[in-house]
Amino acid sequence: MNNVYDIRQYLKKFGTFIYTKDKIGDLKMMEDEITELYQAGILPIREFQVARHILRAEEVKIKLEENAK
């Protein structure tokens, strides 16, 4: 996984589609889903860590963009 799109595609494999009008909310929901996949033993720890980092970095980016407006 290299970006948020890759994480969305990964989650789709498990029937999880997350699309709301709240970008931050979407990221938090995706983080919850990957956490559940990790805890269930489906997602290896390294992929979990990378995905969580990508989601958190994107959240910071969105917040900075919103504050710049």
PDB file of N, CA and C in Angstrom:
ATOM      1  N   MET A   1       0.837  -1.174   0.000  1.00  0.00           N
ATOM      2  CA  MET A   1       0.000   0.000   0.000  1.00  0.00           C
ATOM      3  C   MET A   1       0.886   1.243   0.000  1.00  0.00           C
ATOM      4  N   ASN A   2       0.579   2.131  -0.948  1.00  0.00           N
ATOM      5  CA  ASN A   2       1.395   3.332  -1.086  1.00  0.00           C
ATOM      6  C   ASN A   2       0.631   4.625  -0.867  1.00  0.00           C
ATOM      7  N   ASN A   3      -0.694   4.567  -0.906  1.00  0.00           N
ATOM      8  CA  ASN A   3      -1.489   5.785  -0.761  1.00  0.00           C
ATOM      9  C   ASN A   3      -2.909   5.423  -0.308  1.00  0.00           C
ATOM     10  N   VAL A   4      -3.718   6.462  -0.088  1.00  0.00           N
ATOM     11  CA  VAL A   4      -5.079   6.251   0.406  1.00  0.00           C
ATOM     12  C   VAL A   4      -5.897   5.429  -0.593  1.00  0.00           C
ATOM     13  N   TYR A   5      -5.687   5.664  -1.872  1.00  0.00           N
ATOM     14  CA  TYR A   5      -6.409   4.898  -2.897  1.00  0.00           C
ATOM     15  C   TYR A   5      -6.132   3.399  -2.736  1.00  0.00           C
ATOM     16  N   ASP A   6      -4.875   3.043  -2.531  1.00  0.00           N
ATOM     17  CA  ASP A   6      -4.519   1.627  -2.345  1.00  0.00           C
ATOM     18  C   ASP A   6      -5.225   1.032  -1.122  1.00  0.00           C
ATOM     19  N   ILE A   7      -5.327   1.813  -0.063  1.00  0.00           N
ATOM     20  CA  ILE A   7      -6.004   1.335   1.145  1.00  0.00           C
ATOM     21  C   ILE A   7      -7.487   1.127   0.862  1.00  0.00           C
ATOM     22  N   ARG A   8      -8.107   2.066   0.142  1.00  0.00           N
ATOM     23  CA  ARG A   8      -9.522   1.908  -0.239  1.00  0.00           C
ATOM     24  C   ARG A   8      -9.723   0.628  -1.048  1.00  0.00           C
ATOM     25  N   GLN A   9      -8.832   0.381  -1.999  1.00  0.00           N
ATOM     26  CA  GLN A   9      -8.946  -0.809  -2.839  1.00  0.00           C
ATOM     27  C   GLN A   9      -8.760  -2.081  -2.008  1.00  0.00           C
ATOM     28  N   TYR A  10      -7.839  -2.053  -1.066  1.00  0.00           N
ATOM     29  CA  TYR A  10      -7.623  -3.201  -0.191  1.00  0.00           C
ATOM     30  C   TYR A  10      -8.879  -3.492   0.631  1.00  0.00           C
ATOM     31  N   LEU A  11      -9.475  -2.439   1.187  1.00  0.00           N
ATOM     32  CA  LEU A  11     -10.683  -2.619   1.997  1.00  0.00           C
ATOM     33  C   LEU A  11     -11.851  -3.130   1.161  1.00  0.00           C
ATOM     34  N   LYS A  12     -11.906  -2.744  -0.103  1.00  0.00           N
ATOM     35  CA  LYS A  12     -12.983  -3.214  -0.985  1.00  0.00           C
ATOM     36  C   LYS A  12     -12.952  -4.732  -1.136  1.00  0.00           C
ATOM     37  N   LYS A  13     -11.760  -5.317  -1.059  1.00  0.00           N
ATOM     38  CA  LYS A  13     -11.637  -6.774  -1.165  1.00  0.00           C
ATOM     39  C   LYS A  13     -12.422  -7.489  -0.060  1.00  0.00           C
ATOM     40  N   PHE A  14     -12.640  -6.769   1.040  1.00  0.00           N
ATOM     41  CA  PHE A  14     -13.365  -7.338   2.176  1.00  0.00           C
ATOM     42  C   PHE A  14     -14.783  -6.792   2.270  1.00  0.00           C
ATOM     43  N   GLY A  15     -15.227  -6.134   1.207  1.00  0.00           N
ATOM     44  CA  GLY A  15     -16.589  -5.617   1.164  1.00  0.00           C
ATOM     45  C   GLY A  15     -16.792  -4.320   1.922  1.00  0.00           C
ATOM     46  N   THR A  16     -15.711  -3.613   2.197  1.00  0.00           N
ATOM     47  CA  THR A  16     -15.803  -2.352   2.934  1.00  0.00           C
ATOM     48  C   THR A  16     -15.650  -1.185   1.973  1.00  0.00           C
ATOM     49  N   PHE A  17     -16.716  -0.423   1.818  1.00  0.00           N
ATOM     50  CA  PHE A  17     -16.724   0.758   0.957  1.00  0.00           C
ATOM     51  C   PHE A  17     -16.978   1.968   1.841  1.00  0.00           C
ATOM     52  N   ILE A  18     -16.017   2.881   1.892  1.00  0.00           N
ATOM     53  CA  ILE A  18     -16.143   4.055   2.759  1.00  0.00           C
ATOM     54  C   ILE A  18     -16.094   5.308   1.895  1.00  0.00           C
ATOM     55  N   TYR A  19     -17.238   5.939   1.749  1.00  0.00           N
ATOM     56  CA  TYR A  19     -17.340   7.195   1.006  1.00  0.00           C
ATOM     57  C   TYR A  19     -18.383   8.065   1.686  1.00  0.00           C
ATOM     58  N   THR A  20     -17.938   9.085   2.381  1.00  0.00           N
ATOM     59  CA  THR A  20     -18.853  10.067   2.947  1.00  0.00           C
ATOM     60  C   THR A  20     -18.384  11.437   2.474  1.00  0.00           C
ATOM     61  N   LYS A  21     -19.066  12.462   2.876  1.00  0.00           N
ATOM     62  CA  LYS A  21     -18.642  13.806   2.487  1.00  0.00           C
ATOM     63  C   LYS A  21     -17.583  14.361   3.437  1.00  0.00           C
ATOM     64  N   ASP A  22     -17.286  13.617   4.485  1.00  0.00           N
ATOM     65  CA  ASP A  22     -16.310  14.049   5.486  1.00  0.00           C
ATOM     66  C   ASP A  22     -14.991  13.307   5.261  1.00  0.00           C
ATOM     67  N   LYS A  23     -14.002  13.995   4.707  1.00  0.00           N
ATOM     68  CA  LYS A  23     -12.730  13.342   4.381  1.00  0.00           C
ATOM     69  C   LYS A  23     -12.023  12.811   5.627  1.00  0.00           C
ATOM     70  N   ILE A  24     -12.024  13.607   6.681  1.00  0.00           N
ATOM     71  CA  ILE A  24     -11.380  13.173   7.929  1.00  0.00           C
ATOM     72  C   ILE A  24     -12.119  11.961   8.502  1.00  0.00           C
ATOM     73  N   GLY A  25     -13.427  11.999   8.453  1.00  0.00           N
ATOM     74  CA  GLY A  25     -14.228  10.872   8.928  1.00  0.00           C
ATOM     75  C   GLY A  25     -13.938   9.606   8.145  1.00  0.00           C
ATOM     76  N   ASP A  26     -13.787   9.748   6.828  1.00  0.00           N
ATOM     77  CA  ASP A  26     -13.436   8.600   5.985  1.00  0.00           C
ATOM     78  C   ASP A  26     -12.113   7.987   6.435  1.00  0.00           C
ATOM     79  N   LEU A  27     -11.126   8.840   6.678  1.00  0.00           N
ATOM     80  CA  LEU A  27      -9.808   8.350   7.082  1.00  0.00           C
ATOM     81  C   LEU A  27      -9.884   7.621   8.420  1.00  0.00           C
ATOM     82  N   LYS A  28     -10.651   8.165   9.355  1.00  0.00           N
ATOM     83  CA  LYS A  28     -10.793   7.521  10.669  1.00  0.00           C
ATOM     84  C   LYS A  28     -11.509   6.171  10.543  1.00  0.00           C
ATOM     85  N   MET A  29     -12.536   6.120   9.686  1.00  0.00           N
ATOM     86  CA  MET A  29     -13.244   4.851   9.470  1.00  0.00           C
ATOM     87  C   MET A  29     -12.320   3.820   8.826  1.00  0.00           C
ATOM     88  N   MET A  30     -11.495   4.259   7.865  1.00  0.00           N
ATOM     89  CA  MET A  30     -10.546   3.339   7.235  1.00  0.00           C
ATOM     90  C   MET A  30      -9.535   2.839   8.260  1.00  0.00           C
ATOM     91  N   GLU A  31      -9.081   3.723   9.137  1.00  0.00           N
ATOM     92  CA  GLU A  31      -8.138   3.302  10.175  1.00  0.00           C
ATOM     93  C   GLU A  31      -8.781   2.266  11.097  1.00  0.00           C
ATOM     94  N   ASP A  32     -10.035   2.477  11.459  1.00  0.00           N
ATOM     95  CA  ASP A  32     -10.749   1.491  12.283  1.00  0.00           C
ATOM     96  C   ASP A  32     -10.825   0.139  11.575  1.00  0.00           C
ATOM     97  N   GLU A  33     -11.112   0.168  10.289  1.00  0.00           N
ATOM     98  CA  GLU A  33     -11.241  -1.081   9.523  1.00  0.00           C
ATOM     99  C   GLU A  33      -9.911  -1.817   9.415  1.00  0.00           C
ATOM    100  N   ILE A  34      -8.822  -1.085   9.134  1.00  0.00           N
ATOM    101  CA  ILE A  34      -7.533  -1.782   9.030  1.00  0.00           C
ATOM    102  C   ILE A  34      -7.091  -2.301  10.395  1.00  0.00           C
ATOM    103  N   THR A  35      -7.468  -1.595  11.459  1.00  0.00           N
ATOM    104  CA  THR A  35      -7.154  -2.075  12.809  1.00  0.00           C
ATOM    105  C   THR A  35      -7.875  -3.390  13.074  1.00  0.00           C
ATOM    106  N   GLU A  36      -9.131  -3.467  12.680  1.00  0.00           N
ATOM    107  CA  GLU A  36      -9.885  -4.715  12.856  1.00  0.00           C
ATOM    108  C   GLU A  36      -9.278  -5.849  12.032  1.00  0.00           C
ATOM    109  N   LEU A  37      -8.856  -5.553  10.807  1.00  0.00           N
ATOM    110  CA  LEU A  37      -8.228  -6.582   9.971  1.00  0.00           C
ATOM    111  C   LEU A  37      -6.918  -7.061  10.589  1.00  0.00           C
ATOM    112  N   TYR A  38      -6.151  -6.142  11.157  1.00  0.00           N
ATOM    113  CA  TYR A  38      -4.903  -6.512  11.825  1.00  0.00           C
ATOM    114  C   TYR A  38      -5.190  -7.384  13.050  1.00  0.00           C
ATOM    115  N   GLN A  39      -6.146  -6.953  13.867  1.00  0.00           N
ATOM    116  CA  GLN A  39      -6.475  -7.704  15.081  1.00  0.00           C
ATOM    117  C   GLN A  39      -7.029  -9.086  14.764  1.00  0.00           C
ATOM    118  N   ALA A  40      -7.655  -9.225  13.605  1.00  0.00           N
ATOM    119  CA  ALA A  40      -8.189 -10.527  13.192  1.00  0.00           C
ATOM    120  C   ALA A  40      -7.103 -11.417  12.583  1.00  0.00           C
ATOM    121  N   GLY A  41      -5.901 -10.867  12.426  1.00  0.00           N
ATOM    122  CA  GLY A  41      -4.801 -11.647  11.870  1.00  0.00           C
ATOM    123  C   GLY A  41      -4.793 -11.701  10.356  1.00  0.00           C
ATOM    124  N   ILE A  42      -5.574 -10.856   9.717  1.00  0.00           N
ATOM    125  CA  ILE A  42      -5.656 -10.844   8.254  1.00  0.00           C
ATOM    126  C   ILE A  42      -4.586  -9.942   7.649  1.00  0.00           C
ATOM    127  N   LEU A  43      -4.327  -8.822   8.309  1.00  0.00           N
ATOM    128  CA  LEU A  43      -3.380  -7.825   7.809  1.00  0.00           C
ATOM    129  C   LEU A  43      -2.074  -7.946   8.588  1.00  0.00           C
ATOM    130  N   PRO A  44      -0.956  -8.217   7.898  1.00  0.00           N
ATOM    131  CA  PRO A  44       0.337  -8.319   8.585  1.00  0.00           C
ATOM    132  C   PRO A  44       0.712  -6.995   9.264  1.00  0.00           C
ATOM    133  N   ILE A  45       1.508  -7.091  10.316  1.00  0.00           N
ATOM    134  CA  ILE A  45       1.829  -5.900  11.103  1.00  0.00           C
ATOM    135  C   ILE A  45       2.495  -4.804  10.272  1.00  0.00           C
ATOM    136  N   ARG A  46       3.402  -5.162   9.386  1.00  0.00           N
ATOM    137  CA  ARG A  46       4.102  -4.139   8.590  1.00  0.00           C
ATOM    138  C   ARG A  46       3.119  -3.393   7.695  1.00  0.00           C
ATOM    139  N   GLU A  47       2.226  -4.108   7.044  1.00  0.00           N
ATOM    140  CA  GLU A  47       1.231  -3.450   6.192  1.00  0.00           C
ATOM    141  C   GLU A  47       0.285  -2.599   7.029  1.00  0.00           C
ATOM    142  N   PHE A  48      -0.046  -3.075   8.213  1.00  0.00           N
ATOM    143  CA  PHE A  48      -0.891  -2.306   9.127  1.00  0.00           C
ATOM    144  C   PHE A  48      -0.215  -0.990   9.500  1.00  0.00           C
ATOM    145  N   GLN A  49       1.060  -1.064   9.851  1.00  0.00           N
ATOM    146  CA  GLN A  49       1.795   0.137  10.239  1.00  0.00           C
ATOM    147  C   GLN A  49       1.892   1.131   9.087  1.00  0.00           C
ATOM    148  N   VAL A  50       2.181   0.638   7.902  1.00  0.00           N
ATOM    149  CA  VAL A  50       2.290   1.512   6.728  1.00  0.00           C
ATOM    150  C   VAL A  50       0.944   2.161   6.423  1.00  0.00           C
ATOM    151  N   ALA A  51      -0.115   1.370   6.436  1.00  0.00           N
ATOM    152  CA  ALA A  51      -1.450   1.903   6.138  1.00  0.00           C
ATOM    153  C   ALA A  51      -1.858   2.952   7.167  1.00  0.00           C
ATOM    154  N   ARG A  52      -1.610   2.679   8.419  1.00  0.00           N
ATOM    155  CA  ARG A  52      -1.962   3.637   9.471  1.00  0.00           C
ATOM    156  C   ARG A  52      -1.168   4.934   9.312  1.00  0.00           C
ATOM    157  N   HIS A  53       0.095   4.812   8.965  1.00  0.00           N
ATOM    158  CA  HIS A  53       0.924   6.002   8.736  1.00  0.00           C
ATOM    159  C   HIS A  53       0.394   6.829   7.560  1.00  0.00           C
ATOM    160  N   ILE A  54       0.043   6.163   6.480  1.00  0.00           N
ATOM    161  CA  ILE A  54      -0.506   6.852   5.302  1.00  0.00           C
ATOM    162  C   ILE A  54      -1.778   7.604   5.675  1.00  0.00           C
ATOM    163  N   LEU A  55      -2.676   6.951   6.399  1.00  0.00           N
ATOM    164  CA  LEU A  55      -3.941   7.577   6.776  1.00  0.00           C
ATOM    165  C   LEU A  55      -3.727   8.766   7.703  1.00  0.00           C
ATOM    166  N   ARG A  56      -2.832   8.627   8.652  1.00  0.00           N
ATOM    167  CA  ARG A  56      -2.581   9.735   9.581  1.00  0.00           C
ATOM    168  C   ARG A  56      -1.888  10.900   8.881  1.00  0.00           C
ATOM    169  N   ALA A  57      -0.969  10.604   7.975  1.00  0.00           N
ATOM    170  CA  ALA A  57      -0.302  11.668   7.217  1.00  0.00           C
ATOM    171  C   ALA A  57      -1.305  12.417   6.344  1.00  0.00           C
ATOM    172  N   GLU A  58      -2.224  11.694   5.743  1.00  0.00           N
ATOM    173  CA  GLU A  58      -3.256  12.324   4.914  1.00  0.00           C
ATOM    174  C   GLU A  58      -4.174  13.197   5.772  1.00  0.00           C
ATOM    175  N   GLU A  59      -4.479  12.744   6.965  1.00  0.00           N
ATOM    176  CA  GLU A  59      -5.318  13.536   7.872  1.00  0.00           C
ATOM    177  C   GLU A  59      -4.634  14.863   8.212  1.00  0.00           C
ATOM    178  N   VAL A  60      -3.345  14.810   8.517  1.00  0.00           N
ATOM    179  CA  VAL A  60      -2.589  16.029   8.819  1.00  0.00           C
ATOM    180  C   VAL A  60      -2.587  16.955   7.609  1.00  0.00           C
ATOM    181  N   LYS A  61      -2.377  16.391   6.436  1.00  0.00           N
ATOM    182  CA  LYS A  61      -2.363  17.180   5.199  1.00  0.00           C
ATOM    183  C   LYS A  61      -3.701  17.899   4.990  1.00  0.00           C
ATOM    184  N   ILE A  62      -4.796  17.194   5.184  1.00  0.00           N
ATOM    185  CA  ILE A  62      -6.129  17.788   5.004  1.00  0.00           C
ATOM    186  C   ILE A  62      -6.364  18.897   6.031  1.00  0.00           C
ATOM    187  N   LYS A  63      -5.983  18.649   7.271  1.00  0.00           N
ATOM    188  CA  LYS A  63      -6.171  19.663   8.312  1.00  0.00           C
ATOM    189  C   LYS A  63      -5.355  20.918   8.016  1.00  0.00           C
ATOM    190  N   LEU A  64      -4.131  20.747   7.528  1.00  0.00           N
ATOM    191  CA  LEU A  64      -3.300  21.899   7.179  1.00  0.00           C
ATOM    192  C   LEU A  64      -3.911  22.681   6.022  1.00  0.00           C
ATOM    193  N   GLU A  65      -4.447  21.970   5.038  1.00  0.00           N
ATOM    194  CA  GLU A  65      -5.093  22.633   3.902  1.00  0.00           C
ATOM    195  C   GLU A  65      -6.324  23.408   4.353  1.00  0.00           C
ATOM    196  N   GLU A  66      -7.093  22.831   5.271  1.00  0.00           N
ATOM    197  CA  GLU A  66      -8.294  23.507   5.773  1.00  0.00           C
ATOM    198  C   GLU A  66      -7.932  24.754   6.569  1.00  0.00           C
ATOM    199  N   ASN A  67      -6.852  24.685   7.337  1.00  0.00           N
ATOM    200  CA  ASN A  67      -6.426  25.834   8.136  1.00  0.00           C
ATOM    201  C   ASN A  67      -5.845  26.945   7.274  1.00  0.00           C
ATOM    202  N   ALA A  68      -5.318  26.590   6.113  1.00  0.00           N
ATOM    203  CA  ALA A  68      -4.723  27.583   5.215  1.00  0.00           C
ATOM    204  C   ALA A  68      -5.789  28.421   4.515  1.00  0.00           C
ATOM    205  N   LYS A  69      -7.021  27.946   4.510  1.00  0.00           N
ATOM    206  CA  LYS A  69      -8.092  28.666   3.804  1.00  0.00           C
ATOM    207  C   LYS A  69      -8.556  29.873   4.564  1.00  0.00           C
TER     208      LYS A  69
END
